[in-house]
mmCIF file of all heavy atoms, coordinates in Angstrom:
data_MODEL
# 
_entry.id   MODEL 
# 
loop_
_atom_site.group_PDB 
_atom_site.id 
_atom_site.type_symbol 
_atom_site.label_atom_id 
_atom_site.label_alt_id 
_atom_site.label_comp_id 
_atom_site.label_asym_id 
_atom_site.label_entity_id 
_atom_site.label_seq_id 
_atom_site.pdbx_PDB_ins_code 
_atom_site.Cartn_x 
_atom_site.Cartn_y 
_atom_site.Cartn_z 
_atom_site.occupancy 
_atom_site.B_iso_or_equiv 
_atom_site.pdbx_formal_charge 
_atom_site.auth_seq_id 
_atom_site.auth_comp_id 
_atom_site.auth_asym_id 
_atom_site.auth_atom_id 
_atom_site.pdbx_PDB_model_num 
ATOM 1   N N   . LEU A 1 1  ? -1.576 -8.473  6.612   1.00 0.00 ? 1  LEU A N   1 
ATOM 2   C CA  . LEU A 1 1  ? -0.329 -7.920  6.089   1.00 0.00 ? 1  LEU A CA  1 
ATOM 3   C C   . LEU A 1 1  ? 0.089  -8.622  4.797   1.00 0.00 ? 1  LEU A C   1 
ATOM 4   O O   . LEU A 1 1  ? 0.577  -7.972  3.866   1.00 0.00 ? 1  LEU A O   1 
ATOM 5   C CB  . LEU A 1 1  ? 0.777  -8.017  7.134   1.00 0.00 ? 1  LEU A CB  1 
ATOM 6   C CG  . LEU A 1 1  ? 0.572  -7.147  8.382   1.00 0.00 ? 1  LEU A CG  1 
ATOM 7   C CD1 . LEU A 1 1  ? 1.661  -7.423  9.414   1.00 0.00 ? 1  LEU A CD1 1 
ATOM 8   C CD2 . LEU A 1 1  ? 0.521  -5.677  8.014   1.00 0.00 ? 1  LEU A CD2 1 
ATOM 9   N N   . LYS A 1 2  ? -0.137 -9.920  4.711   1.00 0.00 ? 2  LYS A N   1 
ATOM 10  C CA  . LYS A 1 2  ? 0.176  -10.645 3.469   1.00 0.00 ? 2  LYS A CA  1 
ATOM 11  C C   . LYS A 1 2  ? -0.723 -10.172 2.330   1.00 0.00 ? 2  LYS A C   1 
ATOM 12  O O   . LYS A 1 2  ? -0.266 -9.996  1.203   1.00 0.00 ? 2  LYS A O   1 
ATOM 13  C CB  . LYS A 1 2  ? 0.047  -12.148 3.681   1.00 0.00 ? 2  LYS A CB  1 
ATOM 14  C CG  . LYS A 1 2  ? 1.165  -12.723 4.513   1.00 0.00 ? 2  LYS A CG  1 
ATOM 15  C CD  . LYS A 1 2  ? 1.029  -14.211 4.718   1.00 0.00 ? 2  LYS A CD  1 
ATOM 16  C CE  . LYS A 1 2  ? 2.177  -14.708 5.578   1.00 0.00 ? 2  LYS A CE  1 
ATOM 17  N NZ  . LYS A 1 2  ? 2.122  -16.128 5.827   1.00 0.00 ? 2  LYS A NZ  1 
ATOM 18  N N   . SER A 1 3  ? -2.016 -9.948  2.617   1.00 0.00 ? 3  SER A N   1 
ATOM 19  C CA  . SER A 1 3  ? -2.931 -9.411  1.601   1.00 0.00 ? 3  SER A CA  1 
ATOM 20  C C   . SER A 1 3  ? -2.478 -8.032  1.158   1.00 0.00 ? 3  SER A C   1 
ATOM 21  O O   . SER A 1 3  ? -2.481 -7.717  -0.038  1.00 0.00 ? 3  SER A O   1 
ATOM 22  C CB  . SER A 1 3  ? -4.359 -9.326  2.150   1.00 0.00 ? 3  SER A CB  1 
ATOM 23  O OG  . SER A 1 3  ? -4.905 -10.591 2.372   1.00 0.00 ? 3  SER A OG  1 
ATOM 24  N N   . LEU A 1 4  ? -2.064 -7.212  2.117   1.00 0.00 ? 4  LEU A N   1 
ATOM 25  C CA  . LEU A 1 4  ? -1.598 -5.870  1.797   1.00 0.00 ? 4  LEU A CA  1 
ATOM 26  C C   . LEU A 1 4  ? -0.328 -5.917  0.943   1.00 0.00 ? 4  LEU A C   1 
ATOM 27  O O   . LEU A 1 4  ? -0.191 -5.158  -0.016  1.00 0.00 ? 4  LEU A O   1 
ATOM 28  C CB  . LEU A 1 4  ? -1.355 -5.080  3.087   1.00 0.00 ? 4  LEU A CB  1 
ATOM 29  C CG  . LEU A 1 4  ? -0.940 -3.629  2.915   1.00 0.00 ? 4  LEU A CG  1 
ATOM 30  C CD1 . LEU A 1 4  ? -1.981 -2.847  2.126   1.00 0.00 ? 4  LEU A CD1 1 
ATOM 31  C CD2 . LEU A 1 4  ? -0.702 -2.994  4.283   1.00 0.00 ? 4  LEU A CD2 1 
ATOM 32  N N   . GLU A 1 5  ? 0.575  -6.824  1.253   1.00 0.00 ? 5  GLU A N   1 
ATOM 33  C CA  . GLU A 1 5  ? 1.791  -6.978  0.447   1.00 0.00 ? 5  GLU A CA  1 
ATOM 34  C C   . GLU A 1 5  ? 1.454  -7.344  -0.996  1.00 0.00 ? 5  GLU A C   1 
ATOM 35  O O   . GLU A 1 5  ? 2.060  -6.822  -1.936  1.00 0.00 ? 5  GLU A O   1 
ATOM 36  C CB  . GLU A 1 5  ? 2.716  -8.033  1.051   1.00 0.00 ? 5  GLU A CB  1 
ATOM 37  C CG  . GLU A 1 5  ? 3.435  -7.581  2.298   1.00 0.00 ? 5  GLU A CG  1 
ATOM 38  C CD  . GLU A 1 5  ? 4.244  -8.696  2.951   1.00 0.00 ? 5  GLU A CD  1 
ATOM 39  O OE1 . GLU A 1 5  ? 4.114  -9.880  2.572   1.00 0.00 ? 5  GLU A OE1 1 
ATOM 40  O OE2 . GLU A 1 5  ? 5.037  -8.367  3.849   1.00 0.00 ? 5  GLU A OE2 1 
ATOM 41  N N   . ARG A 1 6  ? 0.470  -8.231  -1.192  1.00 0.00 ? 6  ARG A N   1 
ATOM 42  C CA  . ARG A 1 6  ? 0.057  -8.608  -2.553  1.00 0.00 ? 6  ARG A CA  1 
ATOM 43  C C   . ARG A 1 6  ? -0.517 -7.404  -3.308  1.00 0.00 ? 6  ARG A C   1 
ATOM 44  O O   . ARG A 1 6  ? -0.252 -7.205  -4.495  1.00 0.00 ? 6  ARG A O   1 
ATOM 45  C CB  . ARG A 1 6  ? -0.951 -9.752  -2.515  1.00 0.00 ? 6  ARG A CB  1 
ATOM 46  C CG  . ARG A 1 6  ? -0.332 -11.103 -2.205  1.00 0.00 ? 6  ARG A CG  1 
ATOM 47  C CD  . ARG A 1 6  ? -1.302 -12.255 -2.415  1.00 0.00 ? 6  ARG A CD  1 
ATOM 48  N NE  . ARG A 1 6  ? -2.433 -12.243 -1.509  1.00 0.00 ? 6  ARG A NE  1 
ATOM 49  C CZ  . ARG A 1 6  ? -2.441 -12.775 -0.292  1.00 0.00 ? 6  ARG A CZ  1 
ATOM 50  N NH1 . ARG A 1 6  ? -1.372 -13.394 0.165   1.00 0.00 ? 6  ARG A NH1 1 
ATOM 51  N NH2 . ARG A 1 6  ? -3.516 -12.717 0.462   1.00 0.00 ? 6  ARG A NH2 1 
ATOM 52  N N   . ILE A 1 7  ? -1.309 -6.587  -2.608  1.00 0.00 ? 7  ILE A N   1 
ATOM 53  C CA  . ILE A 1 7  ? -1.891 -5.395  -3.232  1.00 0.00 ? 7  ILE A CA  1 
ATOM 54  C C   . ILE A 1 7  ? -0.787 -4.414  -3.626  1.00 0.00 ? 7  ILE A C   1 
ATOM 55  O O   . ILE A 1 7  ? -0.787 -3.882  -4.738  1.00 0.00 ? 7  ILE A O   1 
ATOM 56  C CB  . ILE A 1 7  ? -2.910 -4.726  -2.282  1.00 0.00 ? 7  ILE A CB  1 
ATOM 57  C CG1 . ILE A 1 7  ? -4.144 -5.613  -2.107  1.00 0.00 ? 7  ILE A CG1 1 
ATOM 58  C CG2 . ILE A 1 7  ? -3.296 -3.342  -2.798  1.00 0.00 ? 7  ILE A CG2 1 
ATOM 59  C CD1 . ILE A 1 7  ? -5.073 -5.150  -0.993  1.00 0.00 ? 7  ILE A CD1 1 
ATOM 60  N N   . ILE A 1 8  ? 0.151  -4.176  -2.728  1.00 0.00 ? 8  ILE A N   1 
ATOM 61  C CA  . ILE A 1 8  ? 1.251  -3.243  -3.013  1.00 0.00 ? 8  ILE A CA  1 
ATOM 62  C C   . ILE A 1 8  ? 2.068  -3.738  -4.201  1.00 0.00 ? 8  ILE A C   1 
ATOM 63  O O   . ILE A 1 8  ? 2.396  -2.959  -5.105  1.00 0.00 ? 8  ILE A O   1 
ATOM 64  C CB  . ILE A 1 8  ? 2.141  -3.040  -1.769  1.00 0.00 ? 8  ILE A CB  1 
ATOM 65  C CG1 . ILE A 1 8  ? 1.352  -2.286  -0.687  1.00 0.00 ? 8  ILE A CG1 1 
ATOM 66  C CG2 . ILE A 1 8  ? 3.434  -2.324  -2.129  1.00 0.00 ? 8  ILE A CG2 1 
ATOM 67  C CD1 . ILE A 1 8  ? 2.024  -2.248  0.670   1.00 0.00 ? 8  ILE A CD1 1 
ATOM 68  N N   . LYS A 1 9  ? 2.375  -5.023  -4.229  1.00 0.00 ? 9  LYS A N   1 
ATOM 69  C CA  . LYS A 1 9  ? 3.142  -5.580  -5.357  1.00 0.00 ? 9  LYS A CA  1 
ATOM 70  C C   . LYS A 1 9  ? 2.376  -5.401  -6.664  1.00 0.00 ? 9  LYS A C   1 
ATOM 71  O O   . LYS A 1 9  ? 2.942  -4.993  -7.675  1.00 0.00 ? 9  LYS A O   1 
ATOM 72  C CB  . LYS A 1 9  ? 3.455  -7.055  -5.119  1.00 0.00 ? 9  LYS A CB  1 
ATOM 73  C CG  . LYS A 1 9  ? 4.278  -7.674  -6.241  1.00 0.00 ? 9  LYS A CG  1 
ATOM 74  C CD  . LYS A 1 9  ? 4.610  -9.117  -5.990  1.00 0.00 ? 9  LYS A CD  1 
ATOM 75  C CE  . LYS A 1 9  ? 5.415  -9.775  -7.063  1.00 0.00 ? 9  LYS A CE  1 
ATOM 76  N NZ  . LYS A 1 9  ? 5.436  -9.249  -8.379  1.00 0.00 ? 9  LYS A NZ  1 
ATOM 77  N N   . LEU A 1 10 ? 1.094  -5.693  -6.644  1.00 0.00 ? 10 LEU A N   1 
ATOM 78  C CA  . LEU A 1 10 ? 0.278  -5.524  -7.840  1.00 0.00 ? 10 LEU A CA  1 
ATOM 79  C C   . LEU A 1 10 ? 0.275  -4.066  -8.288  1.00 0.00 ? 10 LEU A C   1 
ATOM 80  O O   . LEU A 1 10 ? 0.415  -3.767  -9.480  1.00 0.00 ? 10 LEU A O   1 
ATOM 81  C CB  . LEU A 1 10 ? -1.149 -6.009  -7.586  1.00 0.00 ? 10 LEU A CB  1 
ATOM 82  C CG  . LEU A 1 10 ? -2.058 -5.966  -8.802  1.00 0.00 ? 10 LEU A CG  1 
ATOM 83  C CD1 . LEU A 1 10 ? -2.796 -7.285  -8.931  1.00 0.00 ? 10 LEU A CD1 1 
ATOM 84  C CD2 . LEU A 1 10 ? -3.039 -4.834  -8.714  1.00 0.00 ? 10 LEU A CD2 1 
ATOM 85  N N   . MET A 1 11 ? 0.125  -3.140  -7.340  1.00 0.00 ? 11 MET A N   1 
ATOM 86  C CA  . MET A 1 11 ? 0.104  -1.721  -7.681  1.00 0.00 ? 11 MET A CA  1 
ATOM 87  C C   . MET A 1 11 ? 1.430  -1.283  -8.295  1.00 0.00 ? 11 MET A C   1 
ATOM 88  O O   . MET A 1 11 ? 1.448  -0.524  -9.269  1.00 0.00 ? 11 MET A O   1 
ATOM 89  C CB  . MET A 1 11 ? -0.246 -0.883  -6.450  1.00 0.00 ? 11 MET A CB  1 
ATOM 90  C CG  . MET A 1 11 ? -1.679 -1.068  -5.990  1.00 0.00 ? 11 MET A CG  1 
ATOM 91  S SD  . MET A 1 11 ? -2.087 -0.101  -4.516  1.00 0.00 ? 11 MET A SD  1 
ATOM 92  C CE  . MET A 1 11 ? -2.226 1.529   -5.250  1.00 0.00 ? 11 MET A CE  1 
ATOM 93  N N   . ILE A 1 12 ? 2.523  -1.762  -7.748  1.00 0.00 ? 12 ILE A N   1 
ATOM 94  C CA  . ILE A 1 12 ? 3.842  -1.431  -8.301  1.00 0.00 ? 12 ILE A CA  1 
ATOM 95  C C   . ILE A 1 12 ? 3.999  -2.044  -9.683  1.00 0.00 ? 12 ILE A C   1 
ATOM 96  O O   . ILE A 1 12 ? 4.436  -1.371  -10.625 1.00 0.00 ? 12 ILE A O   1 
ATOM 97  C CB  . ILE A 1 12 ? 4.959  -1.891  -7.338  1.00 0.00 ? 12 ILE A CB  1 
ATOM 98  C CG1 . ILE A 1 12 ? 4.939  -1.022  -6.072  1.00 0.00 ? 12 ILE A CG1 1 
ATOM 99  C CG2 . ILE A 1 12 ? 6.325  -1.842  -8.023  1.00 0.00 ? 12 ILE A CG2 1 
ATOM 100 C CD1 . ILE A 1 12 ? 5.818  -1.534  -4.948  1.00 0.00 ? 12 ILE A CD1 1 
ATOM 101 N N   . ASP A 1 13 ? 3.637  -3.319  -9.829  1.00 0.00 ? 13 ASP A N   1 
ATOM 102 C CA  . ASP A 1 13 ? 3.769  -4.011  -11.121 1.00 0.00 ? 13 ASP A CA  1 
ATOM 103 C C   . ASP A 1 13 ? 2.986  -3.316  -12.230 1.00 0.00 ? 13 ASP A C   1 
ATOM 104 O O   . ASP A 1 13 ? 3.399  -3.310  -13.387 1.00 0.00 ? 13 ASP A O   1 
ATOM 105 C CB  . ASP A 1 13 ? 3.310  -5.467  -11.017 1.00 0.00 ? 13 ASP A CB  1 
ATOM 106 C CG  . ASP A 1 13 ? 4.263  -6.336  -10.216 1.00 0.00 ? 13 ASP A CG  1 
ATOM 107 O OD1 . ASP A 1 13 ? 5.388  -5.885  -9.906  1.00 0.00 ? 13 ASP A OD1 1 
ATOM 108 O OD2 . ASP A 1 13 ? 3.875  -7.482  -9.873  1.00 0.00 ? 13 ASP A OD2 1 
ATOM 109 N N   . TYR A 1 14 ? 1.812  -2.749  -11.896 1.00 0.00 ? 14 TYR A N   1 
ATOM 110 C CA  . TYR A 1 14 ? 0.954  -2.125  -12.903 1.00 0.00 ? 14 TYR A CA  1 
ATOM 111 C C   . TYR A 1 14 ? 0.998  -0.596  -12.858 1.00 0.00 ? 14 TYR A C   1 
ATOM 112 O O   . TYR A 1 14 ? 0.154  0.072   -13.452 1.00 0.00 ? 14 TYR A O   1 
ATOM 113 C CB  . TYR A 1 14 ? -0.485 -2.625  -12.758 1.00 0.00 ? 14 TYR A CB  1 
ATOM 114 C CG  . TYR A 1 14 ? -0.639 -4.043  -13.246 1.00 0.00 ? 14 TYR A CG  1 
ATOM 115 C CD1 . TYR A 1 14 ? -0.563 -5.118  -12.371 1.00 0.00 ? 14 TYR A CD1 1 
ATOM 116 C CD2 . TYR A 1 14 ? -0.831 -4.308  -14.597 1.00 0.00 ? 14 TYR A CD2 1 
ATOM 117 C CE1 . TYR A 1 14 ? -0.681 -6.422  -12.821 1.00 0.00 ? 14 TYR A CE1 1 
ATOM 118 C CE2 . TYR A 1 14 ? -0.956 -5.601  -15.057 1.00 0.00 ? 14 TYR A CE2 1 
ATOM 119 C CZ  . TYR A 1 14 ? -0.871 -6.649  -14.163 1.00 0.00 ? 14 TYR A CZ  1 
ATOM 120 O OH  . TYR A 1 14 ? -0.992 -7.942  -14.620 1.00 0.00 ? 14 TYR A OH  1 
ATOM 121 N N   . ASN A 1 15 ? 1.979  -0.063  -12.153 1.00 0.00 ? 15 ASN A N   1 
ATOM 122 C CA  . ASN A 1 15 ? 2.183  1.391   -12.081 1.00 0.00 ? 15 ASN A CA  1 
ATOM 123 C C   . ASN A 1 15 ? 0.983  2.164   -11.545 1.00 0.00 ? 15 ASN A C   1 
ATOM 124 O O   . ASN A 1 15 ? 0.718  3.283   -11.979 1.00 0.00 ? 15 ASN A O   1 
ATOM 125 C CB  . ASN A 1 15 ? 2.603  1.950   -13.451 1.00 0.00 ? 15 ASN A CB  1 
ATOM 126 C CG  . ASN A 1 15 ? 3.941  1.416   -13.885 1.00 0.00 ? 15 ASN A CG  1 
ATOM 127 O OD1 . ASN A 1 15 ? 4.884  1.366   -13.096 1.00 0.00 ? 15 ASN A OD1 1 
ATOM 128 N ND2 . ASN A 1 15 ? 4.025  0.985   -15.134 1.00 0.00 ? 15 ASN A ND2 1 
ATOM 129 N N   . PHE A 1 16 ? 0.237  1.557   -10.625 1.00 0.00 ? 16 PHE A N   1 
ATOM 130 C CA  . PHE A 1 16 ? -0.809 2.300   -9.928  1.00 0.00 ? 16 PHE A CA  1 
ATOM 131 C C   . PHE A 1 16 ? -0.120 3.154   -8.859  1.00 0.00 ? 16 PHE A C   1 
ATOM 132 O O   . PHE A 1 16 ? 0.808  2.673   -8.196  1.00 0.00 ? 16 PHE A O   1 
ATOM 133 C CB  . PHE A 1 16 ? -1.806 1.361   -9.234  1.00 0.00 ? 16 PHE A CB  1 
ATOM 134 C CG  . PHE A 1 16 ? -2.687 0.588   -10.165 1.00 0.00 ? 16 PHE A CG  1 
ATOM 135 C CD1 . PHE A 1 16 ? -2.743 -0.798  -10.092 1.00 0.00 ? 16 PHE A CD1 1 
ATOM 136 C CD2 . PHE A 1 16 ? -3.486 1.224   -11.095 1.00 0.00 ? 16 PHE A CD2 1 
ATOM 137 C CE1 . PHE A 1 16 ? -3.567 -1.531  -10.934 1.00 0.00 ? 16 PHE A CE1 1 
ATOM 138 C CE2 . PHE A 1 16 ? -4.318 0.505   -11.943 1.00 0.00 ? 16 PHE A CE2 1 
ATOM 139 C CZ  . PHE A 1 16 ? -4.349 -0.873  -11.858 1.00 0.00 ? 16 PHE A CZ  1 
ATOM 140 N N   . PRO A 1 17 ? -0.554 4.391   -8.658  1.00 0.00 ? 17 PRO A N   1 
ATOM 141 C CA  . PRO A 1 17 ? 0.092  5.221   -7.625  1.00 0.00 ? 17 PRO A CA  1 
ATOM 142 C C   . PRO A 1 17 ? -0.221 4.693   -6.221  1.00 0.00 ? 17 PRO A C   1 
ATOM 143 O O   . PRO A 1 17 ? -1.368 4.382   -5.914  1.00 0.00 ? 17 PRO A O   1 
ATOM 144 C CB  . PRO A 1 17 ? -0.509 6.609   -7.843  1.00 0.00 ? 17 PRO A CB  1 
ATOM 145 C CG  . PRO A 1 17 ? -1.792 6.364   -8.557  1.00 0.00 ? 17 PRO A CG  1 
ATOM 146 C CD  . PRO A 1 17 ? -1.621 5.096   -9.352  1.00 0.00 ? 17 PRO A CD  1 
ATOM 147 N N   . LEU A 1 18 ? 0.800  4.565   -5.412  1.00 0.00 ? 18 LEU A N   1 
ATOM 148 C CA  . LEU A 1 18 ? 0.623  4.134   -4.029  1.00 0.00 ? 18 LEU A CA  1 
ATOM 149 C C   . LEU A 1 18 ? 0.204  5.327   -3.176  1.00 0.00 ? 18 LEU A C   1 
ATOM 150 O O   . LEU A 1 18 ? 0.750  6.422   -3.333  1.00 0.00 ? 18 LEU A O   1 
ATOM 151 C CB  . LEU A 1 18 ? 1.914  3.544   -3.477  1.00 0.00 ? 18 LEU A CB  1 
ATOM 152 C CG  . LEU A 1 18 ? 2.368  2.233   -4.093  1.00 0.00 ? 18 LEU A CG  1 
ATOM 153 C CD1 . LEU A 1 18 ? 3.776  1.881   -3.633  1.00 0.00 ? 18 LEU A CD1 1 
ATOM 154 C CD2 . LEU A 1 18 ? 1.412  1.118   -3.740  1.00 0.00 ? 18 LEU A CD2 1 
ATOM 155 N N   . PRO A 1 19 ? -0.735 5.136   -2.274  1.00 0.00 ? 19 PRO A N   1 
ATOM 156 C CA  . PRO A 1 19 ? -1.136 6.244   -1.402  1.00 0.00 ? 19 PRO A CA  1 
ATOM 157 C C   . PRO A 1 19 ? -0.063 6.497   -0.350  1.00 0.00 ? 19 PRO A C   1 
ATOM 158 O O   . PRO A 1 19 ? 0.734  5.617   -0.024  1.00 0.00 ? 19 PRO A O   1 
ATOM 159 C CB  . PRO A 1 19 ? -2.425 5.727   -0.757  1.00 0.00 ? 19 PRO A CB  1 
ATOM 160 C CG  . PRO A 1 19 ? -2.283 4.249   -0.775  1.00 0.00 ? 19 PRO A CG  1 
ATOM 161 C CD  . PRO A 1 19 ? -1.494 3.918   -2.022  1.00 0.00 ? 19 PRO A CD  1 
ATOM 162 N N   . SER A 1 20 ? -0.061 7.682   0.186   1.00 0.00 ? 20 SER A N   1 
ATOM 163 C CA  . SER A 1 20 ? 0.829  8.010   1.285   1.00 0.00 ? 20 SER A CA  1 
ATOM 164 C C   . SER A 1 20 ? 0.344  7.291   2.536   1.00 0.00 ? 20 SER A C   1 
ATOM 165 O O   . SER A 1 20 ? -0.860 7.246   2.811   1.00 0.00 ? 20 SER A O   1 
ATOM 166 C CB  . SER A 1 20 ? 0.821  9.517   1.538   1.00 0.00 ? 20 SER A CB  1 
ATOM 167 O OG  . SER A 1 20 ? 1.496  9.819   2.741   1.00 0.00 ? 20 SER A OG  1 
ATOM 168 N N   . ILE A 1 21 ? 1.263  6.749   3.303   1.00 0.00 ? 21 ILE A N   1 
ATOM 169 C CA  . ILE A 1 21 ? 0.870  6.081   4.550   1.00 0.00 ? 21 ILE A CA  1 
ATOM 170 C C   . ILE A 1 21 ? 0.798  7.063   5.718   1.00 0.00 ? 21 ILE A C   1 
ATOM 171 O O   . ILE A 1 21 ? 0.273  6.731   6.770   1.00 0.00 ? 21 ILE A O   1 
ATOM 172 C CB  . ILE A 1 21 ? 1.819  4.914   4.911   1.00 0.00 ? 21 ILE A CB  1 
ATOM 173 C CG1 . ILE A 1 21 ? 3.233  5.409   5.197   1.00 0.00 ? 21 ILE A CG1 1 
ATOM 174 C CG2 . ILE A 1 21 ? 1.815  3.865   3.832   1.00 0.00 ? 21 ILE A CG2 1 
ATOM 175 C CD1 . ILE A 1 21 ? 4.107  4.400   5.902   1.00 0.00 ? 21 ILE A CD1 1 
ATOM 176 N N   . ASP A 1 22 ? 1.301  8.281   5.534   1.00 0.00 ? 22 ASP A N   1 
ATOM 177 C CA  . ASP A 1 22 ? 1.366  9.247   6.628   1.00 0.00 ? 22 ASP A CA  1 
ATOM 178 C C   . ASP A 1 22 ? 0.044  9.459   7.360   1.00 0.00 ? 22 ASP A C   1 
ATOM 179 O O   . ASP A 1 22 ? 0.024  9.472   8.589   1.00 0.00 ? 22 ASP A O   1 
ATOM 180 C CB  . ASP A 1 22 ? 1.925  10.583  6.134   1.00 0.00 ? 22 ASP A CB  1 
ATOM 181 C CG  . ASP A 1 22 ? 3.384  10.464  5.710   1.00 0.00 ? 22 ASP A CG  1 
ATOM 182 O OD1 . ASP A 1 22 ? 4.076  9.525   6.173   1.00 0.00 ? 22 ASP A OD1 1 
ATOM 183 O OD2 . ASP A 1 22 ? 3.836  11.298  4.898   1.00 0.00 ? 22 ASP A OD2 1 
ATOM 184 N N   . PRO A 1 23 ? -1.099 9.608   6.660   1.00 0.00 ? 23 PRO A N   1 
ATOM 185 C CA  . PRO A 1 23 ? -2.355 9.826   7.399   1.00 0.00 ? 23 PRO A CA  1 
ATOM 186 C C   . PRO A 1 23 ? -2.766 8.641   8.276   1.00 0.00 ? 23 PRO A C   1 
ATOM 187 O O   . PRO A 1 23 ? -3.573 8.790   9.182   1.00 0.00 ? 23 PRO A O   1 
ATOM 188 C CB  . PRO A 1 23 ? -3.398 10.046  6.298   1.00 0.00 ? 23 PRO A CB  1 
ATOM 189 C CG  . PRO A 1 23 ? -2.631 10.392  5.074   1.00 0.00 ? 23 PRO A CG  1 
ATOM 190 C CD  . PRO A 1 23 ? -1.307 9.708   5.220   1.00 0.00 ? 23 PRO A CD  1 
ATOM 191 N N   . PHE A 1 24 ? -2.191 7.475   8.019   1.00 0.00 ? 24 PHE A N   1 
ATOM 192 C CA  . PHE A 1 24 ? -2.596 6.272   8.741   1.00 0.00 ? 24 PHE A CA  1 
ATOM 193 C C   . PHE A 1 24 ? -1.685 5.946   9.928   1.00 0.00 ? 24 PHE A C   1 
ATOM 194 O O   . PHE A 1 24 ? -1.998 5.077   10.725  1.00 0.00 ? 24 PHE A O   1 
ATOM 195 C CB  . PHE A 1 24 ? -2.627 5.073   7.786   1.00 0.00 ? 24 PHE A CB  1 
ATOM 196 C CG  . PHE A 1 24 ? -3.570 5.271   6.634   1.00 0.00 ? 24 PHE A CG  1 
ATOM 197 C CD1 . PHE A 1 24 ? -3.112 5.781   5.430   1.00 0.00 ? 24 PHE A CD1 1 
ATOM 198 C CD2 . PHE A 1 24 ? -4.911 4.981   6.760   1.00 0.00 ? 24 PHE A CD2 1 
ATOM 199 C CE1 . PHE A 1 24 ? -3.980 5.984   4.370   1.00 0.00 ? 24 PHE A CE1 1 
ATOM 200 C CE2 . PHE A 1 24 ? -5.788 5.175   5.705   1.00 0.00 ? 24 PHE A CE2 1 
ATOM 201 C CZ  . PHE A 1 24 ? -5.319 5.688   4.508   1.00 0.00 ? 24 PHE A CZ  1 
ATOM 202 N N   . LEU A 1 25 ? -0.555 6.629   10.031  1.00 0.00 ? 25 LEU A N   1 
ATOM 203 C CA  . LEU A 1 25 ? 0.419  6.308   11.070  1.00 0.00 ? 25 LEU A CA  1 
ATOM 204 C C   . LEU A 1 25 ? -0.095 6.542   12.479  1.00 0.00 ? 25 LEU A C   1 
ATOM 205 O O   . LEU A 1 25 ? 0.412  5.951   13.429  1.00 0.00 ? 25 LEU A O   1 
ATOM 206 C CB  . LEU A 1 25 ? 1.719  7.093   10.838  1.00 0.00 ? 25 LEU A CB  1 
ATOM 207 C CG  . LEU A 1 25 ? 2.483  6.709   9.575   1.00 0.00 ? 25 LEU A CG  1 
ATOM 208 C CD1 . LEU A 1 25 ? 3.704  7.626   9.400   1.00 0.00 ? 25 LEU A CD1 1 
ATOM 209 C CD2 . LEU A 1 25 ? 2.896  5.247   9.599   1.00 0.00 ? 25 LEU A CD2 1 
ATOM 210 N N   . LYS A 1 26 ? -1.124 7.354   12.622  1.00 0.00 ? 26 LYS A N   1 
ATOM 211 C CA  . LYS A 1 26 ? -1.663 7.632   13.958  1.00 0.00 ? 26 LYS A CA  1 
ATOM 212 C C   . LYS A 1 26 ? -2.552 6.501   14.483  1.00 0.00 ? 26 LYS A C   1 
ATOM 213 O O   . LYS A 1 26 ? -2.935 6.487   15.628  1.00 0.00 ? 26 LYS A O   1 
ATOM 214 C CB  . LYS A 1 26 ? -2.419 8.951   13.972  1.00 0.00 ? 26 LYS A CB  1 
ATOM 215 C CG  . LYS A 1 26 ? -3.665 8.973   13.120  1.00 0.00 ? 26 LYS A CG  1 
ATOM 216 C CD  . LYS A 1 26 ? -4.305 10.344  13.153  1.00 0.00 ? 26 LYS A CD  1 
ATOM 217 C CE  . LYS A 1 26 ? -5.519 10.380  12.245  1.00 0.00 ? 26 LYS A CE  1 
ATOM 218 N NZ  . LYS A 1 26 ? -6.132 11.694  12.220  1.00 0.00 ? 26 LYS A NZ  1 
ATOM 219 N N   . PHE A 1 27 ? -2.893 5.531   13.623  1.00 0.00 ? 27 PHE A N   1 
ATOM 220 C CA  . PHE A 1 27 ? -3.749 4.431   14.027  1.00 0.00 ? 27 PHE A CA  1 
ATOM 221 C C   . PHE A 1 27 ? -2.909 3.243   14.491  1.00 0.00 ? 27 PHE A C   1 
ATOM 222 O O   . PHE A 1 27 ? -1.811 3.019   13.993  1.00 0.00 ? 27 PHE A O   1 
ATOM 223 C CB  . PHE A 1 27 ? -4.662 4.007   12.865  1.00 0.00 ? 27 PHE A CB  1 
ATOM 224 C CG  . PHE A 1 27 ? -5.546 5.128   12.380  1.00 0.00 ? 27 PHE A CG  1 
ATOM 225 C CD1 . PHE A 1 27 ? -5.256 5.789   11.197  1.00 0.00 ? 27 PHE A CD1 1 
ATOM 226 C CD2 . PHE A 1 27 ? -6.635 5.532   13.119  1.00 0.00 ? 27 PHE A CD2 1 
ATOM 227 C CE1 . PHE A 1 27 ? -6.049 6.825   10.750  1.00 0.00 ? 27 PHE A CE1 1 
ATOM 228 C CE2 . PHE A 1 27 ? -7.444 6.577   12.681  1.00 0.00 ? 27 PHE A CE2 1 
ATOM 229 C CZ  . PHE A 1 27 ? -7.147 7.229   11.505  1.00 0.00 ? 27 PHE A CZ  1 
ATOM 230 N N   . SER A 1 28 ? -3.441 2.462   15.415  1.00 0.00 ? 28 SER A N   1 
ATOM 231 C CA  . SER A 1 28 ? -2.689 1.364   16.004  1.00 0.00 ? 28 SER A CA  1 
ATOM 232 C C   . SER A 1 28 ? -3.492 0.062   15.988  1.00 0.00 ? 28 SER A C   1 
ATOM 233 O O   . SER A 1 28 ? -4.715 0.074   16.134  1.00 0.00 ? 28 SER A O   1 
ATOM 234 C CB  . SER A 1 28 ? -2.339 1.711   17.459  1.00 0.00 ? 28 SER A CB  1 
ATOM 235 O OG  . SER A 1 28 ? -1.837 0.577   18.138  1.00 0.00 ? 28 SER A OG  1 
# 
């Protein structure tokens, strides 16, 4: 989760489009 947070922050900082999380919500 910490690695994922770093990726999301980087994507936001550099204006990379974030993917939708909806297709992944069915996984646990």
